Amino acid sequence: MNLIPLQAAGAQGGGLQMIIMMVVLFAIMYFFMIRPQQKKQKELQKMRDALKVGDRVVTSGGLHGTVSSINEEQRLVVINADKGVNLTFSKDAVTPIIEK
């Protein structure tokens, strides 16, 4: 007769342990996966905001070229890929700056 209340109390303790384990697992995922990605995104956004005419860049599609003009209102960048070839991209398509 006394075993039934003890089993119920043990089951509740297991539920609390499971919740604590889930919280710890989420904290580990946050510090090893989510936070570094957010930091990388902030650095990339900072680089895009610092773009200026004459910077050599690469787009997310792999096009290499030189920035020839920037439209801040519409967040557009015109990239000179070759002599007389100017292509317009969203500022978000520019990934790294090769050289300044």
PDB file of N, CA and C in Angstrom:
ATOM      1  N   MET A   1       0.803  -1.191   0.000  1.00  0.00           N
ATOM      2  CA  MET A   1       0.000   0.000   0.000  1.00  0.00           C
ATOM      3  C   MET A   1       0.856   1.268   0.000  1.00  0.00           C
ATOM      4  N   ASN A   2       1.955   1.238   0.649  1.00  0.00           N
ATOM      5  CA  ASN A   2       2.806   2.424   0.707  1.00  0.00           C
ATOM      6  C   ASN A   2       3.615   2.619  -0.579  1.00  0.00           C
ATOM      7  N   LEU A   3       3.680   1.642  -1.455  1.00  0.00           N
ATOM      8  CA  LEU A   3       4.491   1.747  -2.659  1.00  0.00           C
ATOM      9  C   LEU A   3       3.884   2.690  -3.700  1.00  0.00           C
ATOM     10  N   ILE A   4       2.594   2.787  -3.755  1.00  0.00           N
ATOM     11  CA  ILE A   4       1.938   3.631  -4.764  1.00  0.00           C
ATOM     12  C   ILE A   4       2.286   5.106  -4.577  1.00  0.00           C
ATOM     13  N   PRO A   5       2.208   5.706  -3.408  1.00  0.00           N
ATOM     14  CA  PRO A   5       2.599   7.110  -3.261  1.00  0.00           C
ATOM     15  C   PRO A   5       4.079   7.347  -3.559  1.00  0.00           C
ATOM     16  N   LEU A   6       4.941   6.384  -3.239  1.00  0.00           N
ATOM     17  CA  LEU A   6       6.364   6.555  -3.518  1.00  0.00           C
ATOM     18  C   LEU A   6       6.640   6.538  -5.021  1.00  0.00           C
ATOM     19  N   GLN A   7       5.943   5.687  -5.756  1.00  0.00           N
ATOM     20  CA  GLN A   7       6.125   5.638  -7.195  1.00  0.00           C
ATOM     21  C   GLN A   7       5.651   6.936  -7.850  1.00  0.00           C
ATOM     22  N   ALA A   8       4.571   7.486  -7.399  1.00  0.00           N
ATOM     23  CA  ALA A   8       4.055   8.742  -7.951  1.00  0.00           C
ATOM     24  C   ALA A   8       5.042   9.879  -7.685  1.00  0.00           C
ATOM     25  N   ALA A   9       5.626   9.903  -6.499  1.00  0.00           N
ATOM     26  CA  ALA A   9       6.595  10.949  -6.174  1.00  0.00           C
ATOM     27  C   ALA A   9       7.849  10.793  -7.032  1.00  0.00           C
ATOM     28  N   GLY A  10       8.272   9.582  -7.304  1.00  0.00           N
ATOM     29  CA  GLY A  10       9.440   9.346  -8.150  1.00  0.00           C
ATOM     30  C   GLY A  10       9.193   9.780  -9.580  1.00  0.00           C
ATOM     31  N   ALA A  11       7.994   9.595 -10.090  1.00  0.00           N
ATOM     32  CA  ALA A  11       7.665  10.002 -11.452  1.00  0.00           C
ATOM     33  C   ALA A  11       7.690  11.513 -11.601  1.00  0.00           C
ATOM     34  N   GLN A  12       7.256  12.221 -10.585  1.00  0.00           N
ATOM     35  CA  GLN A  12       7.280  13.679 -10.651  1.00  0.00           C
ATOM     36  C   GLN A  12       8.718  14.196 -10.636  1.00  0.00           C
ATOM     37  N   GLY A  13       9.584  13.575  -9.866  1.00  0.00           N
ATOM     38  CA  GLY A  13      10.988  13.976  -9.828  1.00  0.00           C
ATOM     39  C   GLY A  13      11.653  13.761 -11.178  1.00  0.00           C
ATOM     40  N   GLY A  14      11.287  12.708 -11.881  1.00  0.00           N
ATOM     41  CA  GLY A  14      11.835  12.435 -13.204  1.00  0.00           C
ATOM     42  C   GLY A  14      11.409  13.493 -14.208  1.00  0.00           C
ATOM     43  N   GLY A  15      10.196  13.993 -14.087  1.00  0.00           N
ATOM     44  CA  GLY A  15       9.714  15.057 -14.973  1.00  0.00           C
ATOM     45  C   GLY A  15      10.489  16.346 -14.771  1.00  0.00           C
ATOM     46  N   LEU A  16      10.819  16.644 -13.529  1.00  0.00           N
ATOM     47  CA  LEU A  16      11.602  17.843 -13.218  1.00  0.00           C
ATOM     48  C   LEU A  16      13.016  17.711 -13.782  1.00  0.00           C
ATOM     49  N   GLN A  17      13.596  16.529 -13.663  1.00  0.00           N
ATOM     50  CA  GLN A  17      14.919  16.300 -14.222  1.00  0.00           C
ATOM     51  C   GLN A  17      14.906  16.462 -15.737  1.00  0.00           C
ATOM     52  N   MET A  18      13.843  15.994 -16.370  1.00  0.00           N
ATOM     53  CA  MET A  18      13.724  16.100 -17.825  1.00  0.00           C
ATOM     54  C   MET A  18      13.660  17.564 -18.257  1.00  0.00           C
ATOM     55  N   ILE A  19      12.923  18.371 -17.516  1.00  0.00           N
ATOM     56  CA  ILE A  19      12.814  19.801 -17.835  1.00  0.00           C
ATOM     57  C   ILE A  19      14.172  20.487 -17.676  1.00  0.00           C
ATOM     58  N   ILE A  20      14.871  20.175 -16.599  1.00  0.00           N
ATOM     59  CA  ILE A  20      16.189  20.760 -16.369  1.00  0.00           C
ATOM     60  C   ILE A  20      17.151  20.342 -17.483  1.00  0.00           C
ATOM     61  N   MET A  21      17.081  19.085 -17.872  1.00  0.00           N
ATOM     62  CA  MET A  21      17.946  18.576 -18.944  1.00  0.00           C
ATOM     63  C   MET A  21      17.659  19.307 -20.259  1.00  0.00           C
ATOM     64  N   MET A  22      16.400  19.558 -20.573  1.00  0.00           N
ATOM     65  CA  MET A  22      16.036  20.268 -21.799  1.00  0.00           C
ATOM     66  C   MET A  22      16.552  21.709 -21.766  1.00  0.00           C
ATOM     67  N   VAL A  23      16.448  22.368 -20.631  1.00  0.00           N
ATOM     68  CA  VAL A  23      16.941  23.744 -20.491  1.00  0.00           C
ATOM     69  C   VAL A  23      18.454  23.784 -20.691  1.00  0.00           C
ATOM     70  N   VAL A  24      19.169  22.847 -20.090  1.00  0.00           N
ATOM     71  CA  VAL A  24      20.624  22.789 -20.244  1.00  0.00           C
ATOM     72  C   VAL A  24      20.985  22.513 -21.699  1.00  0.00           C
ATOM     73  N   LEU A  25      20.271  21.622 -22.347  1.00  0.00           N
ATOM     74  CA  LEU A  25      20.534  21.306 -23.755  1.00  0.00           C
ATOM     75  C   LEU A  25      20.306  22.531 -24.641  1.00  0.00           C
ATOM     76  N   PHE A  26      19.225  23.281 -24.386  1.00  0.00           N
ATOM     77  CA  PHE A  26      18.965  24.489 -25.161  1.00  0.00           C
ATOM     78  C   PHE A  26      20.061  25.537 -24.928  1.00  0.00           C
ATOM     79  N   ALA A  27      20.542  25.667 -23.691  1.00  0.00           N
ATOM     80  CA  ALA A  27      21.604  26.632 -23.391  1.00  0.00           C
ATOM     81  C   ALA A  27      22.888  26.264 -24.133  1.00  0.00           C
ATOM     82  N   ILE A  28      23.208  24.988 -24.181  1.00  0.00           N
ATOM     83  CA  ILE A  28      24.400  24.545 -24.902  1.00  0.00           C
ATOM     84  C   ILE A  28      24.255  24.845 -26.390  1.00  0.00           C
ATOM     85  N   MET A  29      23.087  24.546 -26.956  1.00  0.00           N
ATOM     86  CA  MET A  29      22.855  24.833 -28.374  1.00  0.00           C
ATOM     87  C   MET A  29      22.968  26.330 -28.651  1.00  0.00           C
ATOM     88  N   TYR A  30      22.445  27.162 -27.748  1.00  0.00           N
ATOM     89  CA  TYR A  30      22.491  28.609 -27.942  1.00  0.00           C
ATOM     90  C   TYR A  30      23.937  29.100 -27.992  1.00  0.00           C
ATOM     91  N   PHE A  31      24.758  28.674 -27.033  1.00  0.00           N
ATOM     92  CA  PHE A  31      26.124  29.191 -26.955  1.00  0.00           C
ATOM     93  C   PHE A  31      27.058  28.610 -28.010  1.00  0.00           C
ATOM     94  N   PHE A  32      26.768  27.430 -28.532  1.00  0.00           N
ATOM     95  CA  PHE A  32      27.653  26.835 -29.531  1.00  0.00           C
ATOM     96  C   PHE A  32      27.162  26.976 -30.965  1.00  0.00           C
ATOM     97  N   MET A  33      25.881  27.263 -31.180  1.00  0.00           N
ATOM     98  CA  MET A  33      25.358  27.331 -32.548  1.00  0.00           C
ATOM     99  C   MET A  33      24.726  28.676 -32.870  1.00  0.00           C
ATOM    100  N   ILE A  34      23.788  29.125 -32.077  1.00  0.00           N
ATOM    101  CA  ILE A  34      23.003  30.315 -32.411  1.00  0.00           C
ATOM    102  C   ILE A  34      23.810  31.591 -32.213  1.00  0.00           C
ATOM    103  N   ARG A  35      24.474  31.736 -31.085  1.00  0.00           N
ATOM    104  CA  ARG A  35      25.205  32.967 -30.785  1.00  0.00           C
ATOM    105  C   ARG A  35      26.339  33.243 -31.767  1.00  0.00           C
ATOM    106  N   PRO A  36      27.185  32.255 -32.110  1.00  0.00           N
ATOM    107  CA  PRO A  36      28.234  32.546 -33.099  1.00  0.00           C
ATOM    108  C   PRO A  36      27.676  32.937 -34.464  1.00  0.00           C
ATOM    109  N   GLN A  37      26.551  32.341 -34.867  1.00  0.00           N
ATOM    110  CA  GLN A  37      25.938  32.689 -36.151  1.00  0.00           C
ATOM    111  C   GLN A  37      25.432  34.129 -36.130  1.00  0.00           C
ATOM    112  N   GLN A  38      24.830  34.544 -35.011  1.00  0.00           N
ATOM    113  CA  GLN A  38      24.365  35.922 -34.900  1.00  0.00           C
ATOM    114  C   GLN A  38      25.540  36.895 -34.959  1.00  0.00           C
ATOM    115  N   LYS A  39      26.650  36.543 -34.324  1.00  0.00           N
ATOM    116  CA  LYS A  39      27.840  37.400 -34.347  1.00  0.00           C
ATOM    117  C   LYS A  39      28.378  37.528 -35.771  1.00  0.00           C
ATOM    118  N   LYS A  40      28.406  36.424 -36.498  1.00  0.00           N
ATOM    119  CA  LYS A  40      28.879  36.435 -37.880  1.00  0.00           C
ATOM    120  C   LYS A  40      27.971  37.302 -38.758  1.00  0.00           C
ATOM    121  N   GLN A  41      26.654  37.208 -38.561  1.00  0.00           N
ATOM    122  CA  GLN A  41      25.699  38.019 -39.330  1.00  0.00           C
ATOM    123  C   GLN A  41      25.893  39.506 -39.051  1.00  0.00           C
ATOM    124  N   LYS A  42      26.150  39.869 -37.801  1.00  0.00           N
ATOM    125  CA  LYS A  42      26.377  41.276 -37.458  1.00  0.00           C
ATOM    126  C   LYS A  42      27.642  41.809 -38.135  1.00  0.00           C
ATOM    127  N   GLU A  43      28.706  41.002 -38.158  1.00  0.00           N
ATOM    128  CA  GLU A  43      29.942  41.425 -38.812  1.00  0.00           C
ATOM    129  C   GLU A  43      29.737  41.589 -40.316  1.00  0.00           C
ATOM    130  N   LEU A  44      28.985  40.685 -40.927  1.00  0.00           N
ATOM    131  CA  LEU A  44      28.708  40.767 -42.358  1.00  0.00           C
ATOM    132  C   LEU A  44      27.870  42.011 -42.676  1.00  0.00           C
ATOM    133  N   GLN A  45      26.885  42.313 -41.829  1.00  0.00           N
ATOM    134  CA  GLN A  45      26.062  43.506 -42.027  1.00  0.00           C
ATOM    135  C   GLN A  45      26.900  44.771 -41.878  1.00  0.00           C
ATOM    136  N   LYS A  46      27.822  44.763 -40.921  1.00  0.00           N
ATOM    137  CA  LYS A  46      28.713  45.907 -40.717  1.00  0.00           C
ATOM    138  C   LYS A  46      29.588  46.127 -41.949  1.00  0.00           C
ATOM    139  N   MET A  47      30.079  45.031 -42.541  1.00  0.00           N
ATOM    140  CA  MET A  47      30.902  45.115 -43.748  1.00  0.00           C
ATOM    141  C   MET A  47      30.079  45.674 -44.908  1.00  0.00           C
ATOM    142  N   ARG A  48      28.832  45.233 -45.039  1.00  0.00           N
ATOM    143  CA  ARG A  48      27.979  45.725 -46.135  1.00  0.00           C
ATOM    144  C   ARG A  48      27.678  47.207 -45.971  1.00  0.00           C
ATOM    145  N   ASP A  49      27.498  47.645 -44.728  1.00  0.00           N
ATOM    146  CA  ASP A  49      27.228  49.062 -44.492  1.00  0.00           C
ATOM    147  C   ASP A  49      28.460  49.919 -44.779  1.00  0.00           C
ATOM    148  N   ALA A  50      29.664  49.328 -44.676  1.00  0.00           N
ATOM    149  CA  ALA A  50      30.899  50.073 -44.907  1.00  0.00           C
ATOM    150  C   ALA A  50      31.355  50.020 -46.358  1.00  0.00           C
ATOM    151  N   LEU A  51      30.569  49.404 -47.240  1.00  0.00           N
ATOM    152  CA  LEU A  51      30.932  49.334 -48.662  1.00  0.00           C
ATOM    153  C   LEU A  51      31.087  50.728 -49.247  1.00  0.00           C
ATOM    154  N   LYS A  52      32.081  50.891 -50.120  1.00  0.00           N
ATOM    155  CA  LYS A  52      32.230  52.169 -50.819  1.00  0.00           C
ATOM    156  C   LYS A  52      32.697  51.906 -52.241  1.00  0.00           C
ATOM    157  N   VAL A  53      32.552  52.908 -53.067  1.00  0.00           N
ATOM    158  CA  VAL A  53      32.924  52.793 -54.474  1.00  0.00           C
ATOM    159  C   VAL A  53      34.407  52.443 -54.580  1.00  0.00           C
ATOM    160  N   GLY A  54      34.715  51.466 -55.432  1.00  0.00           N
ATOM    161  CA  GLY A  54      36.092  51.046 -55.638  1.00  0.00           C
ATOM    162  C   GLY A  54      36.466  49.762 -54.913  1.00  0.00           C
ATOM    163  N   ASP A  55      35.617  49.300 -53.991  1.00  0.00           N
ATOM    164  CA  ASP A  55      35.899  48.047 -53.286  1.00  0.00           C
ATOM    165  C   ASP A  55      35.717  46.868 -54.230  1.00  0.00           C
ATOM    166  N   ARG A  56      36.654  45.913 -54.169  1.00  0.00           N
ATOM    167  CA  ARG A  56      36.514  44.673 -54.941  1.00  0.00           C
ATOM    168  C   ARG A  56      35.739  43.692 -54.075  1.00  0.00           C
ATOM    169  N   VAL A  57      34.652  43.135 -54.627  1.00  0.00           N
ATOM    170  CA  VAL A  57      33.765  42.270 -53.858  1.00  0.00           C
ATOM    171  C   VAL A  57      33.441  40.993 -54.615  1.00  0.00           C
ATOM    172  N   VAL A  58      32.834  40.062 -53.901  1.00  0.00           N
ATOM    173  CA  VAL A  58      32.307  38.830 -54.472  1.00  0.00           C
ATOM    174  C   VAL A  58      30.845  38.756 -54.057  1.00  0.00           C
ATOM    175  N   THR A  59      29.959  38.413 -54.996  1.00  0.00           N
ATOM    176  CA  THR A  59      28.543  38.264 -54.657  1.00  0.00           C
ATOM    177  C   THR A  59      28.279  36.844 -54.175  1.00  0.00           C
ATOM    178  N   SER A  60      27.095  36.624 -53.644  1.00  0.00           N
ATOM    179  CA  SER A  60      26.733  35.284 -53.171  1.00  0.00           C
ATOM    180  C   SER A  60      26.650  34.298 -54.332  1.00  0.00           C
ATOM    181  N   GLY A  61      26.482  34.788 -55.546  1.00  0.00           N
ATOM    182  CA  GLY A  61      26.450  33.933 -56.731  1.00  0.00           C
ATOM    183  C   GLY A  61      27.832  33.644 -57.296  1.00  0.00           C
ATOM    184  N   GLY A  62      28.872  34.289 -56.743  1.00  0.00           N
ATOM    185  CA  GLY A  62      30.233  34.013 -57.172  1.00  0.00           C
ATOM    186  C   GLY A  62      30.803  35.017 -58.158  1.00  0.00           C
ATOM    187  N   LEU A  63      30.078  36.097 -58.458  1.00  0.00           N
ATOM    188  CA  LEU A  63      30.562  37.104 -59.395  1.00  0.00           C
ATOM    189  C   LEU A  63      31.581  38.007 -58.700  1.00  0.00           C
ATOM    190  N   HIS A  64      32.744  38.160 -59.313  1.00  0.00           N
ATOM    191  CA  HIS A  64      33.788  39.051 -58.803  1.00  0.00           C
ATOM    192  C   HIS A  64      33.710  40.365 -59.568  1.00  0.00           C
ATOM    193  N   GLY A  65      33.848  41.474 -58.864  1.00  0.00           N
ATOM    194  CA  GLY A  65      33.811  42.757 -59.539  1.00  0.00           C
ATOM    195  C   GLY A  65      34.155  43.896 -58.602  1.00  0.00           C
ATOM    196  N   THR A  66      34.052  45.107 -59.134  1.00  0.00           N
ATOM    197  CA  THR A  66      34.354  46.318 -58.386  1.00  0.00           C
ATOM    198  C   THR A  66      33.086  47.144 -58.231  1.00  0.00           C
ATOM    199  N   VAL A  67      32.860  47.666 -57.051  1.00  0.00           N
ATOM    200  CA  VAL A  67      31.675  48.490 -56.796  1.00  0.00           C
ATOM    201  C   VAL A  67      31.841  49.807 -57.538  1.00  0.00           C
ATOM    202  N   SER A  68      30.857  50.128 -58.402  1.00  0.00           N
ATOM    203  CA  SER A  68      30.940  51.384 -59.144  1.00  0.00           C
ATOM    204  C   SER A  68      29.962  52.428 -58.626  1.00  0.00           C
ATOM    205  N   SER A  69      28.867  52.014 -58.001  1.00  0.00           N
ATOM    206  CA  SER A  69      27.972  52.973 -57.345  1.00  0.00           C
ATOM    207  C   SER A  69      27.109  52.243 -56.325  1.00  0.00           C
ATOM    208  N   ILE A  70      26.591  53.019 -55.357  1.00  0.00           N
ATOM    209  CA  ILE A  70      25.771  52.467 -54.273  1.00  0.00           C
ATOM    210  C   ILE A  70      24.533  53.334 -54.119  1.00  0.00           C
ATOM    211  N   ASN A  71      23.365  52.706 -54.042  1.00  0.00           N
ATOM    212  CA  ASN A  71      22.106  53.400 -53.775  1.00  0.00           C
ATOM    213  C   ASN A  71      21.647  52.969 -52.388  1.00  0.00           C
ATOM    214  N   GLU A  72      21.840  53.850 -51.385  1.00  0.00           N
ATOM    215  CA  GLU A  72      21.518  53.519 -49.998  1.00  0.00           C
ATOM    216  C   GLU A  72      20.012  53.400 -49.765  1.00  0.00           C
ATOM    217  N   GLU A  73      19.214  54.206 -50.475  1.00  0.00           N
ATOM    218  CA  GLU A  73      17.755  54.169 -50.279  1.00  0.00           C
ATOM    219  C   GLU A  73      17.179  52.805 -50.596  1.00  0.00           C
ATOM    220  N   GLN A  74      17.567  52.265 -51.755  1.00  0.00           N
ATOM    221  CA  GLN A  74      17.027  50.980 -52.201  1.00  0.00           C
ATOM    222  C   GLN A  74      17.943  49.814 -51.855  1.00  0.00           C
ATOM    223  N   ARG A  75      19.070  50.102 -51.193  1.00  0.00           N
ATOM    224  CA  ARG A  75      20.071  49.084 -50.815  1.00  0.00           C
ATOM    225  C   ARG A  75      20.543  48.294 -52.031  1.00  0.00           C
ATOM    226  N   LEU A  76      20.912  49.042 -53.094  1.00  0.00           N
ATOM    227  CA  LEU A  76      21.411  48.430 -54.323  1.00  0.00           C
ATOM    228  C   LEU A  76      22.874  48.793 -54.528  1.00  0.00           C
ATOM    229  N   VAL A  77      23.601  47.880 -55.158  1.00  0.00           N
ATOM    230  CA  VAL A  77      25.007  48.087 -55.484  1.00  0.00           C
ATOM    231  C   VAL A  77      25.188  47.776 -56.959  1.00  0.00           C
ATOM    232  N   VAL A  78      25.846  48.684 -57.680  1.00  0.00           N
ATOM    233  CA  VAL A  78      26.171  48.426 -59.078  1.00  0.00           C
ATOM    234  C   VAL A  78      27.623  47.959 -59.114  1.00  0.00           C
ATOM    235  N   ILE A  79      27.818  46.753 -59.676  1.00  0.00           N
ATOM    236  CA  ILE A  79      29.144  46.150 -59.722  1.00  0.00           C
ATOM    237  C   ILE A  79      29.629  46.102 -61.163  1.00  0.00           C
ATOM    238  N   ASN A  80      30.847  46.593 -61.382  1.00  0.00           N
ATOM    239  CA  ASN A  80      31.482  46.556 -62.689  1.00  0.00           C
ATOM    240  C   ASN A  80      32.221  45.224 -62.785  1.00  0.00           C
ATOM    241  N   ALA A  81      31.682  44.296 -63.586  1.00  0.00           N
ATOM    242  CA  ALA A  81      32.273  42.959 -63.710  1.00  0.00           C
ATOM    243  C   ALA A  81      33.373  42.926 -64.758  1.00  0.00           C
ATOM    244  N   ASP A  82      33.236  43.729 -65.804  1.00  0.00           N
ATOM    245  CA  ASP A  82      34.222  43.783 -66.881  1.00  0.00           C
ATOM    246  C   ASP A  82      34.068  45.145 -67.552  1.00  0.00           C
ATOM    247  N   LYS A  83      34.868  45.435 -68.547  1.00  0.00           N
ATOM    248  CA  LYS A  83      34.765  46.721 -69.231  1.00  0.00           C
ATOM    249  C   LYS A  83      33.385  46.856 -69.849  1.00  0.00           C
ATOM    250  N   GLY A  84      32.644  47.852 -69.390  1.00  0.00           N
ATOM    251  CA  GLY A  84      31.321  48.129 -69.939  1.00  0.00           C
ATOM    252  C   GLY A  84      30.217  47.206 -69.433  1.00  0.00           C
ATOM    253  N   VAL A  85      30.500  46.311 -68.517  1.00  0.00           N
ATOM    254  CA  VAL A  85      29.484  45.400 -67.975  1.00  0.00           C
ATOM    255  C   VAL A  85      29.207  45.801 -66.535  1.00  0.00           C
ATOM    256  N   ASN A  86      28.079  46.492 -66.329  1.00  0.00           N
ATOM    257  CA  ASN A  86      27.652  46.901 -64.998  1.00  0.00           C
ATOM    258  C   ASN A  86      26.411  46.114 -64.614  1.00  0.00           C
ATOM    259  N   LEU A  87      26.467  45.483 -63.458  1.00  0.00           N
ATOM    260  CA  LEU A  87      25.351  44.673 -62.977  1.00  0.00           C
ATOM    261  C   LEU A  87      24.866  45.226 -61.647  1.00  0.00           C
ATOM    262  N   THR A  88      23.551  45.250 -61.465  1.00  0.00           N
ATOM    263  CA  THR A  88      22.965  45.767 -60.240  1.00  0.00           C
ATOM    264  C   THR A  88      22.555  44.605 -59.344  1.00  0.00           C
ATOM    265  N   PHE A  89      22.981  44.674 -58.087  1.00  0.00           N
ATOM    266  CA  PHE A  89      22.672  43.643 -57.096  1.00  0.00           C
ATOM    267  C   PHE A  89      22.117  44.287 -55.837  1.00  0.00           C
ATOM    268  N   SER A  90      21.397  43.501 -55.087  1.00  0.00           N
ATOM    269  CA  SER A  90      21.006  43.915 -53.749  1.00  0.00           C
ATOM    270  C   SER A  90      22.257  43.943 -52.883  1.00  0.00           C
ATOM    271  N   LYS A  91      22.304  44.839 -51.914  1.00  0.00           N
ATOM    272  CA  LYS A  91      23.460  44.912 -51.027  1.00  0.00           C
ATOM    273  C   LYS A  91      23.631  43.609 -50.250  1.00  0.00           C
ATOM    274  N   ASP A  92      22.534  42.903 -50.035  1.00  0.00           N
ATOM    275  CA  ASP A  92      22.585  41.648 -49.291  1.00  0.00           C
ATOM    276  C   ASP A  92      23.259  40.532 -50.081  1.00  0.00           C
ATOM    277  N   ALA A  93      23.413  40.697 -51.401  1.00  0.00           N
ATOM    278  CA  ALA A  93      24.062  39.676 -52.225  1.00  0.00           C
ATOM    279  C   ALA A  93      25.575  39.770 -52.149  1.00  0.00           C
ATOM    280  N   VAL A  94      26.105  40.866 -51.625  1.00  0.00           N
ATOM    281  CA  VAL A  94      27.549  41.038 -51.522  1.00  0.00           C
ATOM    282  C   VAL A  94      28.018  40.300 -50.274  1.00  0.00           C
ATOM    283  N   THR A  95      28.980  39.398 -50.458  1.00  0.00           N
ATOM    284  CA  THR A  95      29.482  38.647 -49.289  1.00  0.00           C
ATOM    285  C   THR A  95      30.772  39.255 -48.762  1.00  0.00           C
ATOM    286  N   PRO A  96      31.963  38.895 -49.228  1.00  0.00           N
ATOM    287  CA  PRO A  96      33.149  39.520 -48.642  1.00  0.00           C
ATOM    288  C   PRO A  96      33.747  40.620 -49.531  1.00  0.00           C
ATOM    289  N   ILE A  97      34.503  41.497 -48.906  1.00  0.00           N
ATOM    290  CA  ILE A  97      35.300  42.462 -49.647  1.00  0.00           C
ATOM    291  C   ILE A  97      36.658  41.811 -49.865  1.00  0.00           C
ATOM    292  N   ILE A  98      37.112  41.760 -51.118  1.00  0.00           N
ATOM    293  CA  ILE A  98      38.382  41.117 -51.421  1.00  0.00           C
ATOM    294  C   ILE A  98      39.542  42.010 -51.003  1.00  0.00           C
ATOM    295  N   GLU A  99      39.519  43.230 -51.494  1.00  0.00           N
ATOM    296  CA  GLU A  99      40.576  44.188 -51.151  1.00  0.00           C
ATOM    297  C   GLU A  99      40.013  45.580 -51.294  1.00  0.00           C
ATOM    298  N   LYS A 100      40.642  46.525 -50.616  1.00  0.00           N
ATOM    299  CA  LYS A 100      40.158  47.904 -50.662  1.00  0.00           C
ATOM    300  C   LYS A 100      41.098  48.753 -51.471  1.00  0.00           C
TER     301      LYS A 100
END
